[in-house]
Amino acid sequence: MRSGQSEQNIVAVLWDLDGTLVQTEGLHAEVDREVLGSYGFDVGHEELLAYTGMTSRDQLAGTLGARGAGHLLEEAYAKKLALMAERIVSRALPTRGIEGVLRDVPMRTHRFALVTSTEREIALALLERFGWSFRFEVVVGAEDVPRTKPAPDPYLRACELLGVAPAQALVVEDAPAGIRAGKAAGCRVAALCTTFGPAELGGADFVLSNPGAVIGLLGVLG
């Protein structure tokens, strides 16, 4: 634990969605390439990776803006939402080991919130598909805050809705943008090496090799 970190026990876990609970990054990239390709634009892996953790709208605004095509944003965003509802909800898979964590962390000791840059409708559909809806008391989606990750607003909102102080919450993330959001909110942050390597997750308080390690970490943090 870093010096100056609060000693308060952790009573809530604030989970990111894409790349953390579910493996959707490849599906998002597929959708992005199809949408941008419909306008004759190519987009590479590294460019898309730079937007990991940010909203679909922000990603499109960035990639289209870089090509001088910002005027296409609304149309492209509508296309992307339709493809996300069709493909990501039906084809996404849980991160390996995550279902055991959701099952084995007692609800009486740790409350869960989902905090995602994905649109609320998509997030709720994924929770429903995997039978996880009962486990998450709070869902904060892209539309629910004025600023999304890497701003702290989503995690602050989740803490407010749960009625817990940020120092009592552990954020579980997979991307630098989400780590920055969690830290700026005053939460402790655990990063999973599911999308990025340890060297790129150095802003987190803890870097975990797999979701199962969250259980052990909660045992230490309370």
C-alpha atoms as a PDB file:
ATOM      1  CA  MET A   1       0.000   0.000   0.000  1.00  0.00           C
ATOM      2  CA  ARG A   2       1.367   3.428  -0.860  1.00  0.00           C
ATOM      3  CA  SER A   3       2.323   5.867   1.863  1.00  0.00           C
ATOM      4  CA  GLY A   4      -0.513   8.162   2.882  1.00  0.00           C
ATOM      5  CA  GLN A   5      -3.187   5.677   1.769  1.00  0.00           C
ATOM      6  CA  SER A   6      -6.213   5.478   4.041  1.00  0.00           C
ATOM      7  CA  GLU A   7      -6.369   2.533   6.403  1.00  0.00           C
ATOM      8  CA  GLN A   8     -10.147   2.242   6.092  1.00  0.00           C
ATOM      9  CA  ASN A   9     -11.432  -1.243   5.361  1.00  0.00           C
ATOM     10  CA  ILE A  10     -12.724  -1.947   1.877  1.00  0.00           C
ATOM     11  CA  VAL A  11     -16.485  -2.531   1.881  1.00  0.00           C
ATOM     12  CA  ALA A  12     -17.274  -2.030  -1.817  1.00  0.00           C
ATOM     13  CA  VAL A  13     -15.761  -3.236  -5.082  1.00  0.00           C
ATOM     14  CA  LEU A  14     -16.265  -1.073  -8.156  1.00  0.00           C
ATOM     15  CA  TRP A  15     -15.802  -3.167 -11.258  1.00  0.00           C
ATOM     16  CA  ASP A  16     -14.968  -2.010 -14.757  1.00  0.00           C
ATOM     17  CA  LEU A  17     -16.726  -3.966 -17.513  1.00  0.00           C
ATOM     18  CA  ASP A  18     -14.819  -4.272 -20.810  1.00  0.00           C
ATOM     19  CA  GLY A  19     -11.557  -6.129 -20.388  1.00  0.00           C
ATOM     20  CA  THR A  20     -12.247  -6.705 -16.690  1.00  0.00           C
ATOM     21  CA  LEU A  21     -15.502  -8.615 -16.267  1.00  0.00           C
ATOM     22  CA  VAL A  22     -15.923  -9.512 -19.932  1.00  0.00           C
ATOM     23  CA  GLN A  23     -13.525  -9.840 -22.834  1.00  0.00           C
ATOM     24  CA  THR A  24     -14.924  -7.463 -25.414  1.00  0.00           C
ATOM     25  CA  GLU A  25     -11.923  -5.475 -26.631  1.00  0.00           C
ATOM     26  CA  GLY A  26     -11.581  -7.551 -29.817  1.00  0.00           C
ATOM     27  CA  LEU A  27     -15.290  -7.174 -30.520  1.00  0.00           C
ATOM     28  CA  HIS A  28     -15.142  -3.419 -29.992  1.00  0.00           C
ATOM     29  CA  ALA A  29     -12.193  -3.224 -32.387  1.00  0.00           C
ATOM     30  CA  GLU A  30     -14.122  -5.266 -34.958  1.00  0.00           C
ATOM     31  CA  VAL A  31     -17.083  -2.902 -34.708  1.00  0.00           C
ATOM     32  CA  ASP A  32     -14.873   0.192 -34.850  1.00  0.00           C
ATOM     33  CA  ARG A  33     -13.103  -1.030 -37.971  1.00  0.00           C
ATOM     34  CA  GLU A  34     -16.387  -1.848 -39.659  1.00  0.00           C
ATOM     35  CA  VAL A  35     -17.914   1.544 -38.855  1.00  0.00           C
ATOM     36  CA  LEU A  36     -14.835   3.500 -39.887  1.00  0.00           C
ATOM     37  CA  GLY A  37     -14.362   1.270 -42.899  1.00  0.00           C
ATOM     38  CA  SER A  38     -17.837   2.185 -44.111  1.00  0.00           C
ATOM     39  CA  TYR A  39     -16.448   5.690 -44.628  1.00  0.00           C
ATOM     40  CA  GLY A  40     -13.264   4.480 -46.271  1.00  0.00           C
ATOM     41  CA  PHE A  41     -11.040   4.869 -43.198  1.00  0.00           C
ATOM     42  CA  ASP A  42      -8.547   2.308 -41.886  1.00  0.00           C
ATOM     43  CA  VAL A  43      -7.670   2.200 -38.198  1.00  0.00           C
ATOM     44  CA  GLY A  44      -4.831   0.250 -36.613  1.00  0.00           C
ATOM     45  CA  HIS A  45      -4.575  -1.694 -33.380  1.00  0.00           C
ATOM     46  CA  GLU A  46      -2.359   0.836 -31.605  1.00  0.00           C
ATOM     47  CA  GLU A  47      -4.691   3.729 -32.390  1.00  0.00           C
ATOM     48  CA  LEU A  48      -7.699   1.854 -31.005  1.00  0.00           C
ATOM     49  CA  LEU A  49      -5.733   0.702 -27.942  1.00  0.00           C
ATOM     50  CA  ALA A  50      -5.072   4.329 -27.026  1.00  0.00           C
ATOM     51  CA  TYR A  51      -8.812   4.803 -26.471  1.00  0.00           C
ATOM     52  CA  THR A  52      -9.266   1.748 -24.223  1.00  0.00           C
ATOM     53  CA  GLY A  53     -11.419   2.615 -21.227  1.00  0.00           C
ATOM     54  CA  MET A  54     -13.032   5.616 -22.887  1.00  0.00           C
ATOM     55  CA  THR A  55     -16.545   5.858 -24.278  1.00  0.00           C
ATOM     56  CA  SER A  56     -17.570   4.692 -27.728  1.00  0.00           C
ATOM     57  CA  ARG A  57     -18.488   8.254 -28.582  1.00  0.00           C
ATOM     58  CA  ASP A  58     -15.140   9.663 -27.433  1.00  0.00           C
ATOM     59  CA  GLN A  59     -13.279   6.992 -29.386  1.00  0.00           C
ATOM     60  CA  LEU A  60     -15.145   7.808 -32.575  1.00  0.00           C
ATOM     61  CA  ALA A  61     -14.741  11.535 -32.001  1.00  0.00           C
ATOM     62  CA  GLY A  62     -10.996  11.015 -31.732  1.00  0.00           C
ATOM     63  CA  THR A  63     -10.537   8.711 -34.692  1.00  0.00           C
ATOM     64  CA  LEU A  64     -12.855  10.681 -36.970  1.00  0.00           C
ATOM     65  CA  GLY A  65     -11.419  13.998 -35.833  1.00  0.00           C
ATOM     66  CA  ALA A  66      -7.901  12.816 -36.645  1.00  0.00           C
ATOM     67  CA  ARG A  67      -9.119  12.203 -40.194  1.00  0.00           C
ATOM     68  CA  GLY A  68     -10.878  15.525 -40.578  1.00  0.00           C
ATOM     69  CA  ALA A  69     -14.267  13.811 -40.515  1.00  0.00           C
ATOM     70  CA  GLY A  70     -15.736  14.984 -37.231  1.00  0.00           C
ATOM     71  CA  HIS A  71     -18.966  15.897 -39.008  1.00  0.00           C
ATOM     72  CA  LEU A  72     -19.688  12.150 -39.343  1.00  0.00           C
ATOM     73  CA  LEU A  73     -19.727  11.547 -35.586  1.00  0.00           C
ATOM     74  CA  GLU A  74     -23.475  11.297 -34.961  1.00  0.00           C
ATOM     75  CA  GLU A  75     -24.098   8.996 -37.901  1.00  0.00           C
ATOM     76  CA  ALA A  76     -21.100   6.814 -37.075  1.00  0.00           C
ATOM     77  CA  TYR A  77     -22.079   6.612 -33.403  1.00  0.00           C
ATOM     78  CA  ALA A  78     -25.581   5.420 -34.323  1.00  0.00           C
ATOM     79  CA  LYS A  79     -24.049   2.718 -36.528  1.00  0.00           C
ATOM     80  CA  LYS A  80     -21.736   1.626 -33.753  1.00  0.00           C
ATOM     81  CA  LEU A  81     -24.499   1.400 -31.151  1.00  0.00           C
ATOM     82  CA  ALA A  82     -26.537  -0.841 -33.454  1.00  0.00           C
ATOM     83  CA  LEU A  83     -23.572  -3.154 -34.059  1.00  0.00           C
ATOM     84  CA  MET A  84     -22.675  -3.246 -30.348  1.00  0.00           C
ATOM     85  CA  ALA A  85     -26.191  -4.307 -29.406  1.00  0.00           C
ATOM     86  CA  GLU A  86     -26.077  -7.028 -32.046  1.00  0.00           C
ATOM     87  CA  ARG A  87     -22.561  -8.424 -31.633  1.00  0.00           C
ATOM     88  CA  ILE A  88     -21.030  -7.518 -28.312  1.00  0.00           C
ATOM     89  CA  VAL A  89     -24.002  -8.525 -26.189  1.00  0.00           C
ATOM     90  CA  SER A  90     -24.326 -11.868 -27.993  1.00  0.00           C
ATOM     91  CA  ARG A  91     -20.655 -12.778 -28.442  1.00  0.00           C
ATOM     92  CA  ALA A  92     -18.771 -11.417 -25.428  1.00  0.00           C
ATOM     93  CA  LEU A  93     -17.276 -13.972 -23.035  1.00  0.00           C
ATOM     94  CA  PRO A  94     -16.603 -13.630 -19.294  1.00  0.00           C
ATOM     95  CA  THR A  95     -13.005 -13.051 -18.301  1.00  0.00           C
ATOM     96  CA  ARG A  96     -11.541 -16.364 -17.224  1.00  0.00           C
ATOM     97  CA  GLY A  97     -11.996 -16.818 -13.480  1.00  0.00           C
ATOM     98  CA  ILE A  98     -14.319 -13.866 -12.977  1.00  0.00           C
ATOM     99  CA  GLU A  99     -17.446 -15.903 -12.296  1.00  0.00           C
ATOM    100  CA  GLY A 100     -15.770 -17.597  -9.348  1.00  0.00           C
ATOM    101  CA  VAL A 101     -14.898 -14.208  -7.863  1.00  0.00           C
ATOM    102  CA  LEU A 102     -18.434 -12.888  -8.286  1.00  0.00           C
ATOM    103  CA  ARG A 103     -19.742 -16.047  -6.644  1.00  0.00           C
ATOM    104  CA  ASP A 104     -17.245 -16.384  -3.803  1.00  0.00           C
ATOM    105  CA  VAL A 105     -17.003 -12.825  -2.461  1.00  0.00           C
ATOM    106  CA  PRO A 106     -19.882 -12.672   0.067  1.00  0.00           C
ATOM    107  CA  MET A 107     -22.524 -10.042  -0.628  1.00  0.00           C
ATOM    108  CA  ARG A 108     -22.822  -9.421   3.113  1.00  0.00           C
ATOM    109  CA  THR A 109     -19.193  -8.231   3.316  1.00  0.00           C
ATOM    110  CA  HIS A 110     -18.551  -6.469   0.003  1.00  0.00           C
ATOM    111  CA  ARG A 111     -21.060  -4.594  -2.127  1.00  0.00           C
ATOM    112  CA  PHE A 112     -20.519  -4.446  -5.878  1.00  0.00           C
ATOM    113  CA  ALA A 113     -21.014  -1.698  -8.436  1.00  0.00           C
ATOM    114  CA  LEU A 114     -20.409  -1.772 -12.173  1.00  0.00           C
ATOM    115  CA  VAL A 115     -18.688   1.357 -13.460  1.00  0.00           C
ATOM    116  CA  THR A 116     -18.236   1.427 -17.212  1.00  0.00           C
ATOM    117  CA  SER A 117     -17.664   3.742 -20.157  1.00  0.00           C
ATOM    118  CA  THR A 118     -20.011   1.505 -22.129  1.00  0.00           C
ATOM    119  CA  GLU A 119     -23.577   2.644 -22.642  1.00  0.00           C
ATOM    120  CA  ARG A 120     -25.903   1.588 -19.818  1.00  0.00           C
ATOM    121  CA  GLU A 121     -28.203  -0.421 -22.118  1.00  0.00           C
ATOM    122  CA  ILE A 122     -25.290  -2.560 -23.344  1.00  0.00           C
ATOM    123  CA  ALA A 123     -23.916  -3.028 -19.827  1.00  0.00           C
ATOM    124  CA  LEU A 124     -27.286  -4.093 -18.416  1.00  0.00           C
ATOM    125  CA  ALA A 125     -27.817  -6.525 -21.296  1.00  0.00           C
ATOM    126  CA  LEU A 126     -24.453  -8.172 -20.592  1.00  0.00           C
ATOM    127  CA  LEU A 127     -25.209  -8.498 -16.871  1.00  0.00           C
ATOM    128  CA  GLU A 128     -28.554 -10.057 -17.725  1.00  0.00           C
ATOM    129  CA  ARG A 129     -27.054 -12.467 -20.225  1.00  0.00           C
ATOM    130  CA  PHE A 130     -24.528 -13.835 -17.729  1.00  0.00           C
ATOM    131  CA  GLY A 131     -26.929 -13.873 -14.777  1.00  0.00           C
ATOM    132  CA  TRP A 132     -24.936 -11.276 -12.841  1.00  0.00           C
ATOM    133  CA  SER A 133     -27.587  -8.593 -12.427  1.00  0.00           C
ATOM    134  CA  PHE A 134     -28.402  -9.595  -8.829  1.00  0.00           C
ATOM    135  CA  ARG A 135     -24.775  -9.097  -7.758  1.00  0.00           C
ATOM    136  CA  PHE A 136     -24.457  -5.429  -8.729  1.00  0.00           C
ATOM    137  CA  GLU A 137     -26.384  -2.953  -6.597  1.00  0.00           C
ATOM    138  CA  VAL A 138     -25.346  -0.022  -8.763  1.00  0.00           C
ATOM    139  CA  VAL A 139     -24.580   0.417 -12.457  1.00  0.00           C
ATOM    140  CA  VAL A 140     -22.937   3.622 -13.684  1.00  0.00           C
ATOM    141  CA  GLY A 141     -22.793   3.847 -17.475  1.00  0.00           C
ATOM    142  CA  ALA A 142     -21.475   6.350 -19.980  1.00  0.00           C
ATOM    143  CA  GLU A 143     -24.664   8.441 -19.907  1.00  0.00           C
ATOM    144  CA  ASP A 144     -24.831   8.712 -16.117  1.00  0.00           C
ATOM    145  CA  VAL A 145     -22.054  11.244 -15.487  1.00  0.00           C
ATOM    146  CA  PRO A 146     -20.999  14.538 -17.091  1.00  0.00           C
ATOM    147  CA  ARG A 147     -17.417  13.337 -17.521  1.00  0.00           C
ATOM    148  CA  THR A 148     -16.320   9.762 -18.112  1.00  0.00           C
ATOM    149  CA  LYS A 149     -13.008   7.991 -17.517  1.00  0.00           C
ATOM    150  CA  PRO A 150     -10.244   9.118 -17.053  1.00  0.00           C
ATOM    151  CA  ALA A 151     -12.186  11.726 -15.032  1.00  0.00           C
ATOM    152  CA  PRO A 152     -13.138  10.569 -11.515  1.00  0.00           C
ATOM    153  CA  ASP A 153     -16.865  11.247 -11.969  1.00  0.00           C
ATOM    154  CA  PRO A 154     -18.007   7.639 -12.661  1.00  0.00           C
ATOM    155  CA  TYR A 155     -16.330   6.236  -9.559  1.00  0.00           C
ATOM    156  CA  LEU A 156     -17.430   9.143  -7.385  1.00  0.00           C
ATOM    157  CA  ARG A 157     -20.995   8.587  -8.565  1.00  0.00           C
ATOM    158  CA  ALA A 158     -20.835   4.877  -7.750  1.00  0.00           C
ATOM    159  CA  CYS A 159     -19.571   5.629  -4.238  1.00  0.00           C
ATOM    160  CA  GLU A 160     -22.342   8.184  -3.768  1.00  0.00           C
ATOM    161  CA  LEU A 161     -25.024   5.711  -4.847  1.00  0.00           C
ATOM    162  CA  LEU A 162     -23.620   2.985  -2.586  1.00  0.00           C
ATOM    163  CA  GLY A 163     -23.253   5.404   0.305  1.00  0.00           C
ATOM    164  CA  VAL A 164     -19.571   4.621   0.881  1.00  0.00           C
ATOM    165  CA  ALA A 165     -16.513   6.835   1.028  1.00  0.00           C
ATOM    166  CA  PRO A 166     -14.051   6.465  -1.885  1.00  0.00           C
ATOM    167  CA  ALA A 167     -11.404   5.293   0.604  1.00  0.00           C
ATOM    168  CA  GLN A 168     -13.694   2.336   1.393  1.00  0.00           C
ATOM    169  CA  ALA A 169     -13.869   1.239  -2.256  1.00  0.00           C
ATOM    170  CA  LEU A 170     -11.579  -0.910  -4.348  1.00  0.00           C
ATOM    171  CA  VAL A 171     -11.671  -0.224  -8.076  1.00  0.00           C
ATOM    172  CA  VAL A 172     -10.855  -3.171 -10.373  1.00  0.00           C
ATOM    173  CA  GLU A 173      -9.706  -2.025 -13.805  1.00  0.00           C
ATOM    174  CA  ASP A 174      -7.741  -3.172 -16.825  1.00  0.00           C
ATOM    175  CA  ALA A 175      -6.755   0.095 -18.534  1.00  0.00           C
ATOM    176  CA  PRO A 176      -4.698   3.206 -17.703  1.00  0.00           C
ATOM    177  CA  ALA A 177      -7.694   5.525 -18.246  1.00  0.00           C
ATOM    178  CA  GLY A 178      -9.715   3.626 -15.660  1.00  0.00           C
ATOM    179  CA  ILE A 179      -6.817   3.522 -13.229  1.00  0.00           C
ATOM    180  CA  ARG A 180      -6.465   7.296 -13.443  1.00  0.00           C
ATOM    181  CA  ALA A 181     -10.205   7.685 -12.859  1.00  0.00           C
ATOM    182  CA  GLY A 182     -10.179   5.473  -9.778  1.00  0.00           C
ATOM    183  CA  LYS A 183      -7.133   7.145  -8.259  1.00  0.00           C
ATOM    184  CA  ALA A 184      -8.504  10.630  -8.938  1.00  0.00           C
ATOM    185  CA  ALA A 185     -11.697   9.605  -7.130  1.00  0.00           C
ATOM    186  CA  GLY A 186      -9.692   8.660  -4.033  1.00  0.00           C
ATOM    187  CA  CYS A 187     -10.223   4.894  -4.308  1.00  0.00           C
ATOM    188  CA  ARG A 188      -7.640   2.174  -4.116  1.00  0.00           C
ATOM    189  CA  VAL A 189      -7.136   0.553  -7.507  1.00  0.00           C
ATOM    190  CA  ALA A 190      -6.305  -3.013  -8.505  1.00  0.00           C
ATOM    191  CA  ALA A 191      -5.345  -3.539 -12.143  1.00  0.00           C
ATOM    192  CA  LEU A 192      -5.795  -6.821 -13.996  1.00  0.00           C
ATOM    193  CA  CYS A 193      -3.280  -7.764 -16.681  1.00  0.00           C
ATOM    194  CA  THR A 194      -5.981  -8.713 -19.175  1.00  0.00           C
ATOM    195  CA  THR A 195      -5.538  -5.950 -21.773  1.00  0.00           C
ATOM    196  CA  PHE A 196      -2.237  -4.273 -20.874  1.00  0.00           C
ATOM    197  CA  GLY A 197       1.000  -5.527 -19.367  1.00  0.00           C
ATOM    198  CA  PRO A 198       2.219  -4.688 -15.839  1.00  0.00           C
ATOM    199  CA  ALA A 199       4.508  -1.911 -17.081  1.00  0.00           C
ATOM    200  CA  GLU A 200       1.498   0.001 -18.431  1.00  0.00           C
ATOM    201  CA  LEU A 201      -0.522  -0.413 -15.233  1.00  0.00           C
ATOM    202  CA  GLY A 202       1.950   1.223 -12.872  1.00  0.00           C
ATOM    203  CA  GLY A 203      -0.533   3.849 -11.732  1.00  0.00           C
ATOM    204  CA  ALA A 204      -2.506   1.219  -9.821  1.00  0.00           C
ATOM    205  CA  ASP A 205      -1.975   0.403  -6.151  1.00  0.00           C
ATOM    206  CA  PHE A 206      -1.994  -3.311  -6.939  1.00  0.00           C
ATOM    207  CA  VAL A 207      -1.326  -5.198 -10.184  1.00  0.00           C
ATOM    208  CA  LEU A 208      -2.964  -8.623 -10.308  1.00  0.00           C
ATOM    209  CA  SER A 209      -2.247 -11.440 -12.740  1.00  0.00           C
ATOM    210  CA  ASN A 210      -5.774 -12.855 -12.648  1.00  0.00           C
ATOM    211  CA  PRO A 211      -9.249 -12.058 -11.272  1.00  0.00           C
ATOM    212  CA  GLY A 212      -8.974 -14.712  -8.579  1.00  0.00           C
ATOM    213  CA  ALA A 213      -6.327 -12.606  -6.853  1.00  0.00           C
ATOM    214  CA  VAL A 214      -9.056 -10.060  -6.025  1.00  0.00           C
ATOM    215  CA  ILE A 215     -10.380 -12.454  -3.360  1.00  0.00           C
ATOM    216  CA  GLY A 216      -7.014 -12.613  -1.606  1.00  0.00           C
ATOM    217  CA  LEU A 217      -6.575  -8.853  -1.860  1.00  0.00           C
ATOM    218  CA  LEU A 218      -9.960  -8.248  -0.236  1.00  0.00           C
ATOM    219  CA  GLY A 219      -8.920 -10.548   2.573  1.00  0.00           C
ATOM    220  CA  VAL A 220      -5.964  -8.260   3.243  1.00  0.00           C
ATOM    221  CA  LEU A 221      -7.825  -4.971   2.806  1.00  0.00           C
ATOM    222  CA  GLY A 222     -10.882  -5.959   4.855  1.00  0.00           C
END
